[in-house]
Structure formats: structure tokens, C-alpha cells
PDB file of N, CA and C in Angstrom:
ATOM      1  N   MET A   1      98.869  77.044  99.852  1.00  0.00           N
ATOM      2  CA  MET A   1      98.704  77.609 100.744  1.00  0.00           C
ATOM      3  C   MET A   1      98.818  79.328 100.583  1.00  0.00           C
ATOM      4  N   LEU A   2      99.495  79.498  99.410  1.00  0.00           N
ATOM      5  CA  LEU A   2      99.547  81.008  98.976  1.00  0.00           C
ATOM      6  C   LEU A   2      98.233  81.483  98.685  1.00  0.00           C
ATOM      7  N   ALA A   3      97.311  80.653  97.812  1.00  0.00           N
ATOM      8  CA  ALA A   3      95.929  81.037  97.466  1.00  0.00           C
ATOM      9  C   ALA A   3      95.061  81.338  98.792  1.00  0.00           C
ATOM     10  N   THR A   4      95.463  80.509  99.962  1.00  0.00           N
ATOM     11  CA  THR A   4      94.698  80.871 100.852  1.00  0.00           C
ATOM     12  C   THR A   4      94.759  82.034 101.704  1.00  0.00           C
ATOM     13  N   LEU A   5      96.449  82.527 101.912  1.00  0.00           N
ATOM     14  CA  LEU A   5      96.827  83.786 102.227  1.00  0.00           C
ATOM     15  C   LEU A   5      96.225  84.868 101.392  1.00  0.00           C
ATOM     16  N   ALA A   6      95.976  84.729 100.063  1.00  0.00           N
ATOM     17  CA  ALA A   6      95.678  85.610  99.355  1.00  0.00           C
ATOM     18  C   ALA A   6      94.132  86.031  99.323  1.00  0.00           C
ATOM     19  N   THR A   7      93.375  85.108  99.644  1.00  0.00           N
ATOM     20  CA  THR A   7      91.807  85.377  99.794  1.00  0.00           C
ATOM     21  C   THR A   7      91.490  85.937 100.912  1.00  0.00           C
ATOM     22  N   ALA A   8      92.453  85.324 102.071  1.00  0.00           N
ATOM     23  CA  ALA A   8      92.123  86.029 103.567  1.00  0.00           C
ATOM     24  C   ALA A   8      92.618  87.513 103.594  1.00  0.00           C
ATOM     25  N   THR A   9      93.582  87.931 103.019  1.00  0.00           N
ATOM     26  CA  THR A   9      93.692  89.412 102.847  1.00  0.00           C
ATOM     27  C   THR A   9      93.216  90.435 102.287  1.00  0.00           C
ATOM     28  N   SER A  10      92.303  89.413 101.233  1.00  0.00           N
ATOM     29  CA  SER A  10      91.646  90.379 100.364  1.00  0.00           C
ATOM     30  C   SER A  10      90.151  90.673 100.916  1.00  0.00           C
ATOM     31  N   ASN A  11      89.722  89.753 101.722  1.00  0.00           N
ATOM     32  CA  ASN A  11      88.388  89.863 102.382  1.00  0.00           C
ATOM     33  C   ASN A  11      88.312  90.429 103.616  1.00  0.00           C
ATOM     34  N   GLN A  12      89.140  91.269 104.271  1.00  0.00           N
ATOM     35  CA  GLN A  12      89.176  92.324 105.455  1.00  0.00           C
ATOM     36  C   GLN A  12      88.083  93.081 105.178  1.00  0.00           C
ATOM     37  N   PRO A  13      87.344  93.412 106.204  1.00  0.00           N
ATOM     38  CA  PRO A  13      86.358  94.619 106.411  1.00  0.00           C
ATOM     39  C   PRO A  13      86.873  95.898 106.232  1.00  0.00           C
ATOM     40  N   THR A  14      86.344  96.828 105.519  1.00  0.00           N
ATOM     41  CA  THR A  14      86.937  98.103 105.575  1.00  0.00           C
ATOM     42  C   THR A  14      85.925  99.173 106.045  1.00  0.00           C
ATOM     43  N   PHE A  15      86.173 100.462 106.625  1.00  0.00           N
ATOM     44  CA  PHE A  15      85.484 101.577 107.276  1.00  0.00           C
ATOM     45  C   PHE A  15      84.594 101.980 105.932  1.00  0.00           C
ATOM     46  N   SER A  16      83.223 101.462 106.073  1.00  0.00           N
ATOM     47  CA  SER A  16      82.620 102.032 105.134  1.00  0.00           C
ATOM     48  C   SER A  16      81.712 103.454 105.360  1.00  0.00           C
ATOM     49  N   ALA A  17      81.090 104.107 104.345  1.00  0.00           N
ATOM     50  CA  ALA A  17      80.119 105.228 104.945  1.00  0.00           C
ATOM     51  C   ALA A  17      79.274 104.773 105.789  1.00  0.00           C
ATOM     52  N   THR A  18      78.619 103.698 105.772  1.00  0.00           N
ATOM     53  CA  THR A  18      77.474 103.153 106.775  1.00  0.00           C
ATOM     54  C   THR A  18      78.269 103.173 108.065  1.00  0.00           C
ATOM     55  N   ASN A  19      79.288 102.780 108.149  1.00  0.00           N
ATOM     56  CA  ASN A  19      79.751 102.489 109.649  1.00  0.00           C
ATOM     57  C   ASN A  19      80.343 103.994 110.194  1.00  0.00           C
ATOM     58  N   LEU A  20      80.535 104.953 109.444  1.00  0.00           N
ATOM     59  CA  LEU A  20      80.801 106.323 109.597  1.00  0.00           C
ATOM     60  C   LEU A  20      79.528 106.861 110.162  1.00  0.00           C
ATOM     61  N   ILE A  21      78.468 106.761 109.358  1.00  0.00           N
ATOM     62  CA  ILE A  21      77.231 107.440 109.915  1.00  0.00           C
ATOM     63  C   ILE A  21      76.710 106.609 111.051  1.00  0.00           C
ATOM     64  N   ILE A  22      76.936 105.356 111.401  1.00  0.00           N
ATOM     65  CA  ILE A  22      76.389 104.938 112.463  1.00  0.00           C
ATOM     66  C   ILE A  22      77.457 105.545 113.647  1.00  0.00           C
ATOM     67  N   LEU A  23      78.554 105.424 113.544  1.00  0.00           N
ATOM     68  CA  LEU A  23      79.624 106.223 114.698  1.00  0.00           C
ATOM     69  C   LEU A  23      79.097 107.503 114.550  1.00  0.00           C
ATOM     70  N   LEU A  24      78.799 108.344 113.795  1.00  0.00           N
ATOM     71  CA  LEU A  24      78.256 109.799 113.869  1.00  0.00           C
ATOM     72  C   LEU A  24      76.794 110.102 114.719  1.00  0.00           C
ATOM     73  N   VAL A  25      76.084 108.848 114.538  1.00  0.00           N
ATOM     74  CA  VAL A  25      74.754 109.008 115.116  1.00  0.00           C
ATOM     75  C   VAL A  25      75.309 108.393 116.596  1.00  0.00           C
ATOM     76  N   VAL A  26      75.779 107.665 117.045  1.00  0.00           N
ATOM     77  CA  VAL A  26      76.013 107.224 118.280  1.00  0.00           C
ATOM     78  C   VAL A  26      76.569 108.143 118.974  1.00  0.00           C
ATOM     79  N   ALA A  27      77.599 108.947 118.466  1.00  0.00           N
ATOM     80  CA  ALA A  27      78.226 110.087 119.191  1.00  0.00           C
ATOM     81  C   ALA A  27      77.463 111.382 119.369  1.00  0.00           C
ATOM     82  N   ALA A  28      76.370 111.529 118.316  1.00  0.00           N
ATOM     83  CA  ALA A  28      75.366 112.413 118.340  1.00  0.00           C
ATOM     84  C   ALA A  28      74.469 112.246 119.607  1.00  0.00           C
ATOM     85  N   VAL A  29      74.508 111.014 119.998  1.00  0.00           N
ATOM     86  CA  VAL A  29      73.523 110.631 121.058  1.00  0.00           C
ATOM     87  C   VAL A  29      74.171 110.875 122.462  1.00  0.00           C
ATOM     88  N   VAL A  30      75.189 109.876 122.578  1.00  0.00           N
ATOM     89  CA  VAL A  30      75.974 109.597 123.490  1.00  0.00           C
ATOM     90  C   VAL A  30      76.489 110.982 124.358  1.00  0.00           C
ATOM     91  N   TYR A  31      77.227 111.878 123.324  1.00  0.00           N
ATOM     92  CA  TYR A  31      77.929 113.282 124.033  1.00  0.00           C
ATOM     93  C   TYR A  31      77.006 114.051 124.684  1.00  0.00           C
ATOM     94  N   PRO A  32      75.825 114.324 124.170  1.00  0.00           N
ATOM     95  CA  PRO A  32      75.050 115.505 125.009  1.00  0.00           C
ATOM     96  C   PRO A  32      74.495 114.737 126.206  1.00  0.00           C
ATOM     97  N   LEU A  33      74.124 113.310 126.265  1.00  0.00           N
ATOM     98  CA  LEU A  33      73.698 112.407 127.488  1.00  0.00           C
ATOM     99  C   LEU A  33      75.138 112.818 128.689  1.00  0.00           C
ATOM    100  N   GLN A  34      76.315 112.348 127.939  1.00  0.00           N
ATOM    101  CA  GLN A  34      77.459 112.403 128.813  1.00  0.00           C
ATOM    102  C   GLN A  34      77.585 113.972 129.459  1.00  0.00           C
ATOM    103  N   LYS A  35      77.375 114.928 128.714  1.00  0.00           N
ATOM    104  CA  LYS A  35      77.500 116.221 129.157  1.00  0.00           C
ATOM    105  C   LYS A  35      76.468 116.774 129.977  1.00  0.00           C
ATOM    106  N   LYS A  36      75.241 116.508 129.978  1.00  0.00           N
ATOM    107  CA  LYS A  36      74.111 116.872 130.630  1.00  0.00           C
ATOM    108  C   LYS A  36      74.603 115.938 132.185  1.00  0.00           C
ATOM    109  N   LEU A  37      74.809 114.663 132.040  1.00  0.00           N
ATOM    110  CA  LEU A  37      75.045 113.780 133.502  1.00  0.00           C
ATOM    111  C   LEU A  37      76.299 114.620 134.174  1.00  0.00           C
ATOM    112  N   ARG A  38      77.322 115.138 133.301  1.00  0.00           N
ATOM    113  CA  ARG A  38      78.400 115.822 134.432  1.00  0.00           C
ATOM    114  C   ARG A  38      77.968 116.806 134.682  1.00  0.00           C
ATOM    115  N   GLU A  39      76.989 117.948 134.080  1.00  0.00           N
ATOM    116  CA  GLU A  39      76.506 119.071 134.707  1.00  0.00           C
ATOM    117  C   GLU A  39      75.778 118.732 135.919  1.00  0.00           C
ATOM    118  N   VAL A  40      74.975 117.546 135.897  1.00  0.00           N
ATOM    119  CA  VAL A  40      73.747 117.411 137.166  1.00  0.00           C
ATOM    120  C   VAL A  40      74.784 117.037 138.047  1.00  0.00           C
ATOM    121  N   VAL A  41      75.995 115.970 137.959  1.00  0.00           N
ATOM    122  CA  VAL A  41      76.811 115.820 139.098  1.00  0.00           C
ATOM    123  C   VAL A  41      77.485 116.749 139.439  1.00  0.00           C
ATOM    124  N   SER A  42      78.047 117.752 139.072  1.00  0.00           N
ATOM    125  CA  SER A  42      78.671 118.870 139.065  1.00  0.00           C
ATOM    126  C   SER A  42      78.001 119.766 140.165  1.00  0.00           C
ATOM    127  N   ARG A  43      76.608 119.852 139.657  1.00  0.00           N
ATOM    128  CA  ARG A  43      75.958 120.752 140.502  1.00  0.00           C
ATOM    129  C   ARG A  43      75.413 120.241 141.762  1.00  0.00           C
ATOM    130  N   ARG A  44      75.504 118.937 141.947  1.00  0.00           N
ATOM    131  CA  ARG A  44      74.992 118.415 143.007  1.00  0.00           C
ATOM    132  C   ARG A  44      76.181 118.500 144.239  1.00  0.00           C
ATOM    133  N   ARG A  45      77.277 118.070 143.452  1.00  0.00           N
ATOM    134  CA  ARG A  45      78.547 118.055 144.234  1.00  0.00           C
ATOM    135  C   ARG A  45      78.810 119.482 144.981  1.00  0.00           C
ATOM    136  N   LYS A  46      78.488 120.771 144.022  1.00  0.00           N
ATOM    137  CA  LYS A  46      78.604 122.072 144.620  1.00  0.00           C
ATOM    138  C   LYS A  46      77.658 122.076 145.627  1.00  0.00           C
ATOM    139  N   GLU A  47      76.612 121.803 145.435  1.00  0.00           N
ATOM    140  CA  GLU A  47      75.603 121.904 146.464  1.00  0.00           C
ATOM    141  C   GLU A  47      75.919 121.329 147.528  1.00  0.00           C
ATOM    142  N   ARG A  48      76.286 120.061 147.717  1.00  0.00           N
ATOM    143  CA  ARG A  48      76.562 119.094 148.893  1.00  0.00           C
ATOM    144  C   ARG A  48      78.003 120.009 149.688  1.00  0.00           C
ATOM    145  N   TRP A  49      78.787 120.372 148.865  1.00  0.00           N
ATOM    146  CA  TRP A  49      79.752 120.962 149.474  1.00  0.00           C
ATOM    147  C   TRP A  49      79.363 122.516 150.104  1.00  0.00           C
ATOM    148  N   ALA A  50      78.509 122.971 149.763  1.00  0.00           N
ATOM    149  CA  ALA A  50      78.154 124.413 150.262  1.00  0.00           C
ATOM    150  C   ALA A  50      77.394 124.046 151.680  1.00  0.00           C
ATOM    151  N   GLU A  51      76.337 122.818 151.469  1.00  0.00           N
ATOM    152  CA  GLU A  51      75.803 122.377 152.738  1.00  0.00           C
ATOM    153  C   GLU A  51      76.608 122.123 153.616  1.00  0.00           C
ATOM    154  N   GLU A  52      77.873 121.072 153.359  1.00  0.00           N
ATOM    155  CA  GLU A  52      78.888 121.058 154.297  1.00  0.00           C
ATOM    156  C   GLU A  52      79.021 122.247 155.030  1.00  0.00           C
ATOM    157  N   ASP A  53      79.916 123.073 154.130  1.00  0.00           N
ATOM    158  CA  ASP A  53      80.338 124.235 154.659  1.00  0.00           C
ATOM    159  C   ASP A  53      79.378 125.361 155.641  1.00  0.00           C
ATOM    160  N   ARG A  54      78.101 125.056 155.428  1.00  0.00           N
ATOM    161  CA  ARG A  54      77.397 125.955 156.027  1.00  0.00           C
ATOM    162  C   ARG A  54      77.016 125.441 157.358  1.00  0.00           C
ATOM    163  N   ARG A  55      76.993 123.890 157.400  1.00  0.00           N
ATOM    164  CA  ARG A  55      77.096 123.305 158.876  1.00  0.00           C
ATOM    165  C   ARG A  55      78.228 123.597 159.651  1.00  0.00           C
ATOM    166  N   ALA A  56      79.261 123.073 158.972  1.00  0.00           N
ATOM    167  CA  ALA A  56      80.562 123.485 159.697  1.00  0.00           C
ATOM    168  C   ALA A  56      80.592 125.012 160.277  1.00  0.00           C
ATOM    169  N   GLU A  57      80.209 125.858 159.535  1.00  0.00           N
ATOM    170  CA  GLU A  57      80.060 127.194 159.915  1.00  0.00           C
ATOM    171  C   GLU A  57      79.318 127.277 161.319  1.00  0.00           C
ATOM    172  N   LEU A  58      77.952 126.777 161.194  1.00  0.00           N
ATOM    173  CA  LEU A  58      77.255 126.915 162.379  1.00  0.00           C
ATOM    174  C   LEU A  58      77.618 126.074 163.507  1.00  0.00           C
ATOM    175  N   GLU A  59      78.339 125.028 163.423  1.00  0.00           N
ATOM    176  CA  GLU A  59      79.227 124.308 164.496  1.00  0.00           C
ATOM    177  C   GLU A  59      80.228 125.020 164.900  1.00  0.00           C
ATOM    178  N   ARG A  60      80.693 126.066 164.264  1.00  0.00           N
ATOM    179  CA  ARG A  60      81.720 126.767 164.803  1.00  0.00           C
ATOM    180  C   ARG A  60      81.068 127.933 165.562  1.00  0.00           C
ATOM    181  N   GLU A  61      80.053 128.274 165.422  1.00  0.00           N
ATOM    182  CA  GLU A  61      79.378 129.474 165.761  1.00  0.00           C
ATOM    183  C   GLU A  61      78.689 129.349 167.077  1.00  0.00           C
ATOM    184  N   GLN A  62      78.171 127.697 167.076  1.00  0.00           N
ATOM    185  CA  GLN A  62      77.802 127.573 168.540  1.00  0.00           C
ATOM    186  C   GLN A  62      78.611 127.667 169.663  1.00  0.00           C
ATOM    187  N   PRO A  63      77.926 127.841 171.064  1.00  0.00           N
ATOM    188  CA  PRO A  63      78.858 127.516 172.044  1.00  0.00           C
ATOM    189  C   PRO A  63      78.975 126.218 172.379  1.00  0.00           C
ATOM    190  N   ASP A  64      80.013 125.538 173.271  1.00  0.00           N
ATOM    191  CA  ASP A  64      79.957 124.382 173.695  1.00  0.00           C
ATOM    192  C   ASP A  64      79.031 124.072 174.664  1.00  0.00           C
ATOM    193  N   GLY A  65      78.335 123.100 174.425  1.00  0.00           N
ATOM    194  CA  GLY A  65      77.154 122.706 175.215  1.00  0.00           C
ATOM    195  C   GLY A  65      76.499 121.312 174.519  1.00  0.00           C
ATOM    196  N   PRO A  66      75.266 121.113 174.888  1.00  0.00           N
ATOM    197  CA  PRO A  66      74.328 120.277 174.585  1.00  0.00           C
ATOM    198  C   PRO A  66      73.899 120.501 173.328  1.00  0.00           C
ATOM    199  N   ARG A  67      74.232 119.845 172.172  1.00  0.00           N
ATOM    200  CA  ARG A  67      73.866 120.021 170.684  1.00  0.00           C
ATOM    201  C   ARG A  67      72.169 119.593 170.515  1.00  0.00           C
ATOM    202  N   PRO A  68      71.436 120.326 170.013  1.00  0.00           N
ATOM    203  CA  PRO A  68      69.927 119.938 169.418  1.00  0.00           C
ATOM    204  C   PRO A  68      70.128 118.769 168.348  1.00  0.00           C
ATOM    205  N   PRO A  69      68.994 118.015 168.453  1.00  0.00           N
ATOM    206  CA  PRO A  69      69.402 116.785 167.338  1.00  0.00           C
ATOM    207  C   PRO A  69      69.099 117.226 166.063  1.00  0.00           C
ATOM    208  N   GLU A  70      70.045 116.977 164.999  1.00  0.00           N
ATOM    209  CA  GLU A  70      69.736 117.130 163.653  1.00  0.00           C
ATOM    210  C   GLU A  70      68.260 116.799 163.136  1.00  0.00           C
ATOM    211  N   GLN A  71      67.879 117.615 162.541  1.00  0.00           N
ATOM    212  CA  GLN A  71      66.620 117.212 161.619  1.00  0.00           C
ATOM    213  C   GLN A  71      66.857 117.156 160.154  1.00  0.00           C
ATOM    214  N   THR A  72      66.248 115.583 159.513  1.00  0.00           N
ATOM    215  CA  THR A  72      66.473 115.638 158.301  1.00  0.00           C
ATOM    216  C   THR A  72      65.224 115.634 157.532  1.00  0.00           C
ATOM    217  N   PRO A  73      65.166 116.408 156.670  1.00  0.00           N
ATOM    218  CA  PRO A  73      64.127 116.772 155.864  1.00  0.00           C
ATOM    219  C   PRO A  73      63.199 115.346 154.954  1.00  0.00           C
TER     220      PRO A  73
END
């Protein structure tokens, strides 16, 4: 039983240079994609908020009465 424990503990995988290179390559690909995605989502959210604010301002400026139908692009 002691021999089995000794061989089991000596064959554990280690963090090699190859694994480090793979990790760096994956990070070099994923990080820019994630950054670009966050920028696009943030820009779209800000545009949507600006549009909602503009519509709310127009609704406050309109007098009470029948509203014209909204046009969707």
C-alpha cells in the first residue's frame, strides 16, 4: 500500500511552460473580445437611454389630447 501511495503522489501533473503559453494565448484572444463586447453593449445602452429620455421629454411637451400613432423604423 505504501508503494501505491508513493507512485500516486509522484505522478501528479505540474503546471508546465506549455500550459502557461496556452493560457496566455487564450487570454490574449478572449480579453480583447470581451472588452469590445462591453463597449458595444455600453454604447447601445446609452443610446437607448438617450432615446427614452428624448421620448419622455416630447411627451411632457405635448398638450393633453389625442396622441399621434408612433412610427417604428
